[in-house]
Amino acid sequence: MLGDRLAVELLNGETLTGERQAGGHVSRFLVTLPVGKRTLLITSDMLSPPEFRRLRLWALWGRLPRHSVAAEQL
């Protein structure tokens, strides 16, 4: 994830790339992302908790925090 660009490697080795688009859904449990003609569904158990949090932030705001937040602040 870099700015509005997204690259996702699927289990079969295929890589999807595209621009961040409007739409989609973000919750504690899942993120849906429209990428090209597809919509990706990513659930919280598909990534480590820190990576899923980063994906949620990027999906909501289109950018990532510059520095990490201490675990006590979460």
PDB file of N, CA and C in Angstrom:
ATOM      1  N   MET A   1       0.850  -1.173   0.000  1.00  0.00           N
ATOM      2  CA  MET A   1       0.000   0.000   0.000  1.00  0.00           C
ATOM      3  C   MET A   1       0.895   1.235   0.000  1.00  0.00           C
ATOM      4  N   LEU A   2       0.709   2.043  -0.962  1.00  0.00           N
ATOM      5  CA  LEU A   2       1.494   3.264  -1.051  1.00  0.00           C
ATOM      6  C   LEU A   2       0.594   4.334  -1.639  1.00  0.00           C
ATOM      7  N   GLY A   3       0.231   5.308  -0.828  1.00  0.00           N
ATOM      8  CA  GLY A   3      -0.677   6.344  -1.298  1.00  0.00           C
ATOM      9  C   GLY A   3      -1.992   5.735  -1.717  1.00  0.00           C
ATOM     10  N   ASP A   4      -2.390   5.964  -2.958  1.00  0.00           N
ATOM     11  CA  ASP A   4      -3.630   5.403  -3.467  1.00  0.00           C
ATOM     12  C   ASP A   4      -3.418   4.103  -4.240  1.00  0.00           C
ATOM     13  N   ARG A   5      -2.201   3.566  -4.253  1.00  0.00           N
ATOM     14  CA  ARG A   5      -1.898   2.336  -4.993  1.00  0.00           C
ATOM     15  C   ARG A   5      -1.952   1.133  -4.056  1.00  0.00           C
ATOM     16  N   LEU A   6      -2.455   0.024  -4.593  1.00  0.00           N
ATOM     17  CA  LEU A   6      -2.573  -1.212  -3.842  1.00  0.00           C
ATOM     18  C   LEU A   6      -2.047  -2.348  -4.697  1.00  0.00           C
ATOM     19  N   ALA A   7      -1.271  -3.243  -4.092  1.00  0.00           N
ATOM     20  CA  ALA A   7      -0.830  -4.465  -4.750  1.00  0.00           C
ATOM     21  C   ALA A   7      -1.134  -5.613  -3.801  1.00  0.00           C
ATOM     22  N   VAL A   8      -1.853  -6.610  -4.305  1.00  0.00           N
ATOM     23  CA  VAL A   8      -2.262  -7.755  -3.497  1.00  0.00           C
ATOM     24  C   VAL A   8      -1.832  -9.022  -4.215  1.00  0.00           C
ATOM     25  N   GLU A   9      -1.120  -9.896  -3.503  1.00  0.00           N
ATOM     26  CA  GLU A   9      -0.753 -11.187  -4.076  1.00  0.00           C
ATOM     27  C   GLU A   9      -1.759 -12.223  -3.600  1.00  0.00           C
ATOM     28  N   LEU A  10      -2.410 -12.876  -4.556  1.00  0.00           N
ATOM     29  CA  LEU A  10      -3.394 -13.902  -4.249  1.00  0.00           C
ATOM     30  C   LEU A  10      -2.701 -15.232  -3.976  1.00  0.00           C
ATOM     31  N   LEU A  11      -3.425 -16.170  -3.397  1.00  0.00           N
ATOM     32  CA  LEU A  11      -2.879 -17.469  -3.042  1.00  0.00           C
ATOM     33  C   LEU A  11      -2.324 -18.203  -4.260  1.00  0.00           C
ATOM     34  N   ASN A  12      -2.938 -18.023  -5.422  1.00  0.00           N
ATOM     35  CA  ASN A  12      -2.472 -18.706  -6.634  1.00  0.00           C
ATOM     36  C   ASN A  12      -1.262 -18.025  -7.268  1.00  0.00           C
ATOM     37  N   GLY A  13      -0.728 -16.980  -6.631  1.00  0.00           N
ATOM     38  CA  GLY A  13       0.454 -16.290  -7.133  1.00  0.00           C
ATOM     39  C   GLY A  13       0.144 -15.087  -8.005  1.00  0.00           C
ATOM     40  N   GLU A  14      -1.105 -14.932  -8.408  1.00  0.00           N
ATOM     41  CA  GLU A  14      -1.505 -13.776  -9.218  1.00  0.00           C
ATOM     42  C   GLU A  14      -1.426 -12.504  -8.372  1.00  0.00           C
ATOM     43  N   THR A  15      -0.963 -11.416  -8.968  1.00  0.00           N
ATOM     44  CA  THR A  15      -0.889 -10.138  -8.275  1.00  0.00           C
ATOM     45  C   THR A  15      -1.891  -9.170  -8.890  1.00  0.00           C
ATOM     46  N   LEU A  16      -2.721  -8.589  -8.041  1.00  0.00           N
ATOM     47  CA  LEU A  16      -3.667  -7.567  -8.478  1.00  0.00           C
ATOM     48  C   LEU A  16      -3.122  -6.216  -8.051  1.00  0.00           C
ATOM     49  N   THR A  17      -3.125  -5.267  -8.957  1.00  0.00           N
ATOM     50  CA  THR A  17      -2.719  -3.912  -8.622  1.00  0.00           C
ATOM     51  C   THR A  17      -3.809  -2.963  -9.075  1.00  0.00           C
ATOM     52  N   GLY A  18      -3.903  -1.863  -8.395  1.00  0.00           N
ATOM     53  CA  GLY A  18      -4.897  -0.880  -8.792  1.00  0.00           C
ATOM     54  C   GLY A  18      -4.883   0.335  -7.890  1.00  0.00           C
ATOM     55  N   GLU A  19      -5.717   1.262  -8.240  1.00  0.00           N
ATOM     56  CA  GLU A  19      -5.871   2.488  -7.478  1.00  0.00           C
ATOM     57  C   GLU A  19      -6.879   2.276  -6.354  1.00  0.00           C
ATOM     58  N   ARG A  20      -6.719   2.989  -5.287  1.00  0.00           N
ATOM     59  CA  ARG A  20      -7.708   2.994  -4.221  1.00  0.00           C
ATOM     60  C   ARG A  20      -8.970   3.654  -4.780  1.00  0.00           C
ATOM     61  N   GLN A  21     -10.095   2.970  -4.640  1.00  0.00           N
ATOM     62  CA  GLN A  21     -11.341   3.472  -5.203  1.00  0.00           C
ATOM     63  C   GLN A  21     -12.343   3.749  -4.092  1.00  0.00           C
ATOM     64  N   ALA A  22     -13.295   4.593  -4.393  1.00  0.00           N
ATOM     65  CA  ALA A  22     -14.374   4.849  -3.444  1.00  0.00           C
ATOM     66  C   ALA A  22     -15.211   3.585  -3.312  1.00  0.00           C
ATOM     67  N   GLY A  23     -15.876   3.473  -2.204  1.00  0.00           N
ATOM     68  CA  GLY A  23     -16.684   2.289  -1.961  1.00  0.00           C
ATOM     69  C   GLY A  23     -15.953   1.354  -1.024  1.00  0.00           C
ATOM     70  N   GLY A  24     -16.445   0.188  -0.923  1.00  0.00           N
ATOM     71  CA  GLY A  24     -15.838  -0.758  -0.011  1.00  0.00           C
ATOM     72  C   GLY A  24     -16.410  -0.589   1.383  1.00  0.00           C
ATOM     73  N   HIS A  25     -15.939  -1.411   2.275  1.00  0.00           N
ATOM     74  CA  HIS A  25     -16.446  -1.423   3.638  1.00  0.00           C
ATOM     75  C   HIS A  25     -15.283  -1.733   4.568  1.00  0.00           C
ATOM     76  N   VAL A  26     -15.258  -1.089   5.729  1.00  0.00           N
ATOM     77  CA  VAL A  26     -14.222  -1.327   6.723  1.00  0.00           C
ATOM     78  C   VAL A  26     -14.887  -1.545   8.073  1.00  0.00           C
ATOM     79  N   SER A  27     -14.541  -2.652   8.725  1.00  0.00           N
ATOM     80  CA  SER A  27     -15.020  -2.910  10.082  1.00  0.00           C
ATOM     81  C   SER A  27     -13.910  -3.625  10.852  1.00  0.00           C
ATOM     82  N   ARG A  28     -14.176  -3.955  12.117  1.00  0.00           N
ATOM     83  CA  ARG A  28     -13.174  -4.670  12.917  1.00  0.00           C
ATOM     84  C   ARG A  28     -12.937  -6.069  12.375  1.00  0.00           C
ATOM     85  N   PHE A  29     -13.880  -6.605  11.637  1.00  0.00           N
ATOM     86  CA  PHE A  29     -13.826  -7.997  11.219  1.00  0.00           C
ATOM     87  C   PHE A  29     -13.446  -8.204   9.762  1.00  0.00           C
ATOM     88  N   LEU A  30     -13.731  -7.222   8.909  1.00  0.00           N
ATOM     89  CA  LEU A  30     -13.431  -7.407   7.494  1.00  0.00           C
ATOM     90  C   LEU A  30     -13.274  -6.068   6.782  1.00  0.00           C
ATOM     91  N   VAL A  31     -12.606  -6.163   5.631  1.00  0.00           N
ATOM     92  CA  VAL A  31     -12.422  -5.011   4.736  1.00  0.00           C
ATOM     93  C   VAL A  31     -12.770  -5.490   3.336  1.00  0.00           C
ATOM     94  N   THR A  32     -13.595  -4.748   2.629  1.00  0.00           N
ATOM     95  CA  THR A  32     -13.816  -5.019   1.207  1.00  0.00           C
ATOM     96  C   THR A  32     -13.206  -3.865   0.415  1.00  0.00           C
ATOM     97  N   LEU A  33     -12.483  -4.228  -0.630  1.00  0.00           N
ATOM     98  CA  LEU A  33     -11.797  -3.235  -1.452  1.00  0.00           C
ATOM     99  C   LEU A  33     -12.106  -3.460  -2.921  1.00  0.00           C
ATOM    100  N   PRO A  34     -12.690  -2.485  -3.598  1.00  0.00           N
ATOM    101  CA  PRO A  34     -12.840  -2.602  -5.045  1.00  0.00           C
ATOM    102  C   PRO A  34     -11.484  -2.380  -5.712  1.00  0.00           C
ATOM    103  N   VAL A  35     -11.034  -3.366  -6.488  1.00  0.00           N
ATOM    104  CA  VAL A  35      -9.768  -3.276  -7.220  1.00  0.00           C
ATOM    105  C   VAL A  35     -10.057  -3.671  -8.662  1.00  0.00           C
ATOM    106  N   GLY A  36     -10.059  -2.688  -9.538  1.00  0.00           N
ATOM    107  CA  GLY A  36     -10.398  -2.956 -10.926  1.00  0.00           C
ATOM    108  C   GLY A  36     -11.829  -3.451 -11.041  1.00  0.00           C
ATOM    109  N   LYS A  37     -11.998  -4.601 -11.687  1.00  0.00           N
ATOM    110  CA  LYS A  37     -13.330  -5.172 -11.861  1.00  0.00           C
ATOM    111  C   LYS A  37     -13.685  -6.150 -10.752  1.00  0.00           C
ATOM    112  N   ARG A  38     -12.809  -6.306  -9.778  1.00  0.00           N
ATOM    113  CA  ARG A  38     -13.030  -7.240  -8.669  1.00  0.00           C
ATOM    114  C   ARG A  38     -13.237  -6.484  -7.366  1.00  0.00           C
ATOM    115  N   THR A  39     -13.829  -7.169  -6.417  1.00  0.00           N
ATOM    116  CA  THR A  39     -13.899  -6.663  -5.045  1.00  0.00           C
ATOM    117  C   THR A  39     -13.244  -7.697  -4.152  1.00  0.00           C
ATOM    118  N   LEU A  40     -12.229  -7.276  -3.406  1.00  0.00           N
ATOM    119  CA  LEU A  40     -11.528  -8.173  -2.499  1.00  0.00           C
ATOM    120  C   LEU A  40     -12.193  -8.138  -1.132  1.00  0.00           C
ATOM    121  N   LEU A  41     -12.300  -9.294  -0.511  1.00  0.00           N
ATOM    122  CA  LEU A  41     -12.804  -9.427   0.847  1.00  0.00           C
ATOM    123  C   LEU A  41     -11.654  -9.943   1.689  1.00  0.00           C
ATOM    124  N   ILE A  42     -11.215  -9.150   2.658  1.00  0.00           N
ATOM    125  CA  ILE A  42     -10.125  -9.530   3.543  1.00  0.00           C
ATOM    126  C   ILE A  42     -10.678  -9.576   4.958  1.00  0.00           C
ATOM    127  N   THR A  43     -10.597 -10.741   5.594  1.00  0.00           N
ATOM    128  CA  THR A  43     -11.092 -10.872   6.961  1.00  0.00           C
ATOM    129  C   THR A  43      -9.938 -10.717   7.939  1.00  0.00           C
ATOM    130  N   SER A  44     -10.272 -10.436   9.183  1.00  0.00           N
ATOM    131  CA  SER A  44      -9.253 -10.149  10.192  1.00  0.00           C
ATOM    132  C   SER A  44      -8.312 -11.315  10.444  1.00  0.00           C
ATOM    133  N   ASP A  45      -8.757 -12.556  10.197  1.00  0.00           N
ATOM    134  CA  ASP A  45      -7.878 -13.697  10.448  1.00  0.00           C
ATOM    135  C   ASP A  45      -6.973 -14.029   9.257  1.00  0.00           C
ATOM    136  N   MET A  46      -7.050 -13.250   8.192  1.00  0.00           N
ATOM    137  CA  MET A  46      -6.199 -13.485   7.028  1.00  0.00           C
ATOM    138  C   MET A  46      -4.841 -12.796   7.161  1.00  0.00           C
ATOM    139  N   LEU A  47      -4.726 -11.844   8.070  1.00  0.00           N
ATOM    140  CA  LEU A  47      -3.487 -11.092   8.286  1.00  0.00           C
ATOM    141  C   LEU A  47      -3.171 -11.069   9.775  1.00  0.00           C
ATOM    142  N   SER A  48      -1.939 -10.719  10.091  1.00  0.00           N
ATOM    143  CA  SER A  48      -1.598 -10.517  11.503  1.00  0.00           C
ATOM    144  C   SER A  48      -2.363  -9.282  11.998  1.00  0.00           C
ATOM    145  N   PRO A  49      -2.634  -9.201  13.291  1.00  0.00           N
ATOM    146  CA  PRO A  49      -3.373  -8.029  13.798  1.00  0.00           C
ATOM    147  C   PRO A  49      -2.762  -6.678  13.419  1.00  0.00           C
ATOM    148  N   PRO A  50      -1.431  -6.505  13.517  1.00  0.00           N
ATOM    149  CA  PRO A  50      -0.883  -5.189  13.103  1.00  0.00           C
ATOM    150  C   PRO A  50      -1.071  -4.902  11.613  1.00  0.00           C
ATOM    151  N   GLU A  51      -0.921  -5.923  10.770  1.00  0.00           N
ATOM    152  CA  GLU A  51      -1.098  -5.712   9.332  1.00  0.00           C
ATOM    153  C   GLU A  51      -2.558  -5.450   8.985  1.00  0.00           C
ATOM    154  N   PHE A  52      -3.486  -6.131   9.661  1.00  0.00           N
ATOM    155  CA  PHE A  52      -4.901  -5.870   9.400  1.00  0.00           C
ATOM    156  C   PHE A  52      -5.267  -4.455   9.823  1.00  0.00           C
ATOM    157  N   ARG A  53      -4.702  -3.994  10.931  1.00  0.00           N
ATOM    158  CA  ARG A  53      -4.948  -2.610  11.378  1.00  0.00           C
ATOM    159  C   ARG A  53      -4.430  -1.613  10.338  1.00  0.00           C
ATOM    160  N   ARG A  54      -3.227  -1.869   9.800  1.00  0.00           N
ATOM    161  CA  ARG A  54      -2.676  -0.985   8.775  1.00  0.00           C
ATOM    162  C   ARG A  54      -3.561  -0.966   7.532  1.00  0.00           C
ATOM    163  N   LEU A  55      -4.070  -2.143   7.139  1.00  0.00           N
ATOM    164  CA  LEU A  55      -4.967  -2.213   5.988  1.00  0.00           C
ATOM    165  C   LEU A  55      -6.236  -1.414   6.250  1.00  0.00           C
ATOM    166  N   ARG A  56      -6.801  -1.534   7.449  1.00  0.00           N
ATOM    167  CA  ARG A  56      -8.016  -0.785   7.782  1.00  0.00           C
ATOM    168  C   ARG A  56      -7.762   0.717   7.724  1.00  0.00           C
ATOM    169  N   LEU A  57      -6.648   1.165   8.281  1.00  0.00           N
ATOM    170  CA  LEU A  57      -6.324   2.596   8.240  1.00  0.00           C
ATOM    171  C   LEU A  57      -6.166   3.070   6.800  1.00  0.00           C
ATOM    172  N   TRP A  58      -5.450   2.290   5.995  1.00  0.00           N
ATOM    173  CA  TRP A  58      -5.248   2.679   4.603  1.00  0.00           C
ATOM    174  C   TRP A  58      -6.575   2.719   3.853  1.00  0.00           C
ATOM    175  N   ALA A  59      -7.444   1.714   4.091  1.00  0.00           N
ATOM    176  CA  ALA A  59      -8.728   1.666   3.398  1.00  0.00           C
ATOM    177  C   ALA A  59      -9.613   2.849   3.782  1.00  0.00           C
ATOM    178  N   LEU A  60      -9.520   3.280   5.033  1.00  0.00           N
ATOM    179  CA  LEU A  60     -10.329   4.414   5.484  1.00  0.00           C
ATOM    180  C   LEU A  60      -9.778   5.761   5.024  1.00  0.00           C
ATOM    181  N   TRP A  61      -8.475   5.943   5.144  1.00  0.00           N
ATOM    182  CA  TRP A  61      -7.885   7.271   4.963  1.00  0.00           C
ATOM    183  C   TRP A  61      -6.979   7.403   3.752  1.00  0.00           C
ATOM    184  N   GLY A  62      -6.594   6.293   3.126  1.00  0.00           N
ATOM    185  CA  GLY A  62      -5.719   6.361   1.957  1.00  0.00           C
ATOM    186  C   GLY A  62      -4.276   6.657   2.292  1.00  0.00           C
ATOM    187  N   ARG A  63      -3.924   6.503   3.555  1.00  0.00           N
ATOM    188  CA  ARG A  63      -2.535   6.695   3.966  1.00  0.00           C
ATOM    189  C   ARG A  63      -2.306   5.936   5.263  1.00  0.00           C
ATOM    190  N   LEU A  64      -1.048   5.772   5.595  1.00  0.00           N
ATOM    191  CA  LEU A  64      -0.667   5.069   6.807  1.00  0.00           C
ATOM    192  C   LEU A  64      -0.037   6.039   7.792  1.00  0.00           C
ATOM    193  N   PRO A  65      -0.093   5.730   9.089  1.00  0.00           N
ATOM    194  CA  PRO A  65       0.547   6.617  10.057  1.00  0.00           C
ATOM    195  C   PRO A  65       2.059   6.640   9.838  1.00  0.00           C
ATOM    196  N   ARG A  66       2.674   7.752  10.150  1.00  0.00           N
ATOM    197  CA  ARG A  66       4.121   7.888   9.972  1.00  0.00           C
ATOM    198  C   ARG A  66       4.909   7.131  11.018  1.00  0.00           C
ATOM    199  N   HIS A  67       4.328   6.971  12.186  1.00  0.00           N
ATOM    200  CA  HIS A  67       5.009   6.228  13.250  1.00  0.00           C
ATOM    201  C   HIS A  67       3.990   5.301  13.916  1.00  0.00           C
ATOM    202  N   SER A  68       4.501   4.244  14.516  1.00  0.00           N
ATOM    203  CA  SER A  68       3.590   3.271  15.125  1.00  0.00           C
ATOM    204  C   SER A  68       3.050   3.810  16.453  1.00  0.00           C
ATOM    205  N   VAL A  69       1.910   3.314  16.816  1.00  0.00           N
ATOM    206  CA  VAL A  69       1.262   3.685  18.066  1.00  0.00           C
ATOM    207  C   VAL A  69       1.594   2.629  19.095  1.00  0.00           C
ATOM    208  N   ALA A  70       1.920   3.039  20.296  1.00  0.00           N
ATOM    209  CA  ALA A  70       2.230   2.086  21.356  1.00  0.00           C
ATOM    210  C   ALA A  70       0.999   1.236  21.654  1.00  0.00           C
ATOM    211  N   ALA A  71       1.243  -0.026  21.975  1.00  0.00           N
ATOM    212  CA  ALA A  71       0.135  -0.959  22.219  1.00  0.00           C
ATOM    213  C   ALA A  71      -0.778  -0.478  23.334  1.00  0.00           C
ATOM    214  N   GLU A  72      -0.239   0.225  24.307  1.00  0.00           N
ATOM    215  CA  GLU A  72      -1.042   0.718  25.428  1.00  0.00           C
ATOM    216  C   GLU A  72      -2.047   1.771  24.977  1.00  0.00           C
ATOM    217  N   GLN A  73      -1.781   2.446  23.865  1.00  0.00           N
ATOM    218  CA  GLN A  73      -2.670   3.494  23.385  1.00  0.00           C
ATOM    219  C   GLN A  73      -3.858   2.952  22.603  1.00  0.00           C
ATOM    220  N   LEU A  74      -3.785   1.687  22.217  1.00  0.00           N
ATOM    221  CA  LEU A  74      -4.859   1.113  21.405  1.00  0.00           C
ATOM    222  C   LEU A  74      -6.018   0.719  22.225  1.00  0.00           C
TER     223      LEU A  74
END
